[in-house]
Amino acid sequence: MDLSYNKLTDFSYNVEMVWSGCLKQLDLSHNKLDAVSWNICQLAALQKLDLSHNSVKSLPDDDYWKCMNLHDLDLSFNKVFIFHY
């Protein structure tokens, strides 16, 4: 799903209820997101997540992530400074 260049400031849609088992790619690049929302972390089938060119400052704790197949996470050109281990 390509939602790049939409000036999104948050992504609080209930996508996990519909696409948790089938959404494999999500492109949220070039928006105005400052955080990775809980519902993105719940997308179990997600393999590629592009959050580049946003304002993301930190990532959720490991406990929130259900994306066991995620192998490509692009956080380039963000303001990430805190990683929760």
Protein backbone atom coordinates (compact mmCIF):
# COMPACT_ATOMS: atom_id res chain seq x y z
CA MET A 1 0.00 0.00 0.00
CA ASP A 2 1.50 3.32 -1.03
CA LEU A 3 0.49 6.28 1.13
CA SER A 4 3.59 8.36 0.46
CA TYR A 5 3.42 12.13 -0.12
CA ASN A 6 0.08 12.60 1.65
CA LYS A 7 1.09 15.04 4.40
CA LEU A 8 -0.06 12.54 7.05
CA THR A 9 0.71 13.65 10.59
CA ASP A 10 -0.43 10.40 12.19
CA PHE A 11 -1.51 6.95 11.12
CA SER A 12 -4.11 5.86 13.62
CA TYR A 13 -6.37 3.98 11.22
CA ASN A 14 -7.50 0.48 12.21
CA VAL A 15 -5.55 -1.23 9.43
CA GLU A 16 -4.57 -4.11 11.69
CA MET A 17 -8.21 -5.25 11.87
CA VAL A 18 -8.46 -5.66 8.09
CA TRP A 19 -4.94 -6.21 6.77
CA SER A 20 -3.01 -7.81 9.62
CA GLY A 21 -2.61 -11.12 7.84
CA CYS A 22 -2.19 -9.90 4.26
CA LEU A 23 -0.54 -6.44 4.00
CA LYS A 24 3.09 -7.06 3.08
CA GLN A 25 4.32 -3.59 2.10
CA LEU A 26 3.46 -0.20 3.52
CA ASP A 27 4.99 2.99 2.17
CA LEU A 28 4.46 5.99 4.44
CA SER A 29 7.49 7.90 3.20
CA HIS A 30 7.53 11.66 2.68
CA ASN A 31 4.80 12.46 5.19
CA LYS A 32 4.89 14.29 8.52
CA LEU A 33 4.76 11.35 10.92
CA ASP A 34 6.55 11.80 14.23
CA ALA A 35 5.90 8.33 15.64
CA VAL A 36 5.31 4.73 14.63
CA SER A 37 1.75 3.98 15.72
CA TRP A 38 0.63 0.86 17.56
CA ASN A 39 -1.55 -0.35 14.69
CA ILE A 40 1.40 -0.45 12.27
CA CYS A 41 3.27 -2.65 14.74
CA GLN A 42 0.34 -5.10 14.71
CA LEU A 43 0.55 -5.89 10.98
CA ALA A 44 1.73 -9.48 11.28
CA ALA A 45 2.35 -10.11 7.55
CA LEU A 46 4.28 -6.87 6.98
CA GLN A 47 7.62 -7.44 5.27
CA LYS A 48 8.58 -3.95 4.12
CA LEU A 49 7.89 -0.66 5.92
CA ASP A 50 9.10 2.61 4.48
CA LEU A 51 8.97 5.52 6.92
CA SER A 52 11.75 7.53 5.31
CA HIS A 53 11.56 11.32 5.09
CA ASN A 54 9.30 11.85 8.10
CA SER A 55 9.97 13.20 11.60
CA VAL A 56 10.00 9.92 13.53
CA LYS A 57 11.85 10.42 16.81
CA SER A 58 11.65 6.99 18.43
CA LEU A 59 10.44 3.45 17.93
CA PRO A 60 7.94 1.52 20.04
CA ASP A 61 9.18 -1.08 22.51
CA ASP A 62 9.89 -4.55 21.14
CA ASP A 63 6.80 -5.90 22.93
CA TYR A 64 4.52 -3.90 20.61
CA TRP A 65 5.91 -5.36 17.37
CA LYS A 66 3.98 -8.29 15.89
CA CYS A 67 5.62 -7.97 12.44
CA MET A 68 7.62 -11.18 12.61
CA ASN A 69 8.26 -11.11 8.85
CA LEU A 70 9.51 -7.52 8.72
CA HIS A 71 12.90 -7.57 7.00
CA ASP A 72 13.05 -4.11 5.41
CA LEU A 73 12.54 -1.06 7.61
CA ASP A 74 13.57 2.28 6.11
CA LEU A 75 13.92 5.08 8.67
CA SER A 76 16.32 7.23 6.67
CA PHE A 77 15.95 11.00 6.89
CA ASN A 78 14.15 10.96 10.23
CA LYS A 79 15.06 12.23 13.69
CA VAL A 80 15.33 8.87 15.46
CA PHE A 81 17.38 9.21 18.61
CA ILE A 82 15.86 6.74 21.06
CA PHE A 83 15.80 2.99 20.54
CA HIS A 84 13.95 0.90 23.09
CA TYR A 85 15.60 -2.47 23.70
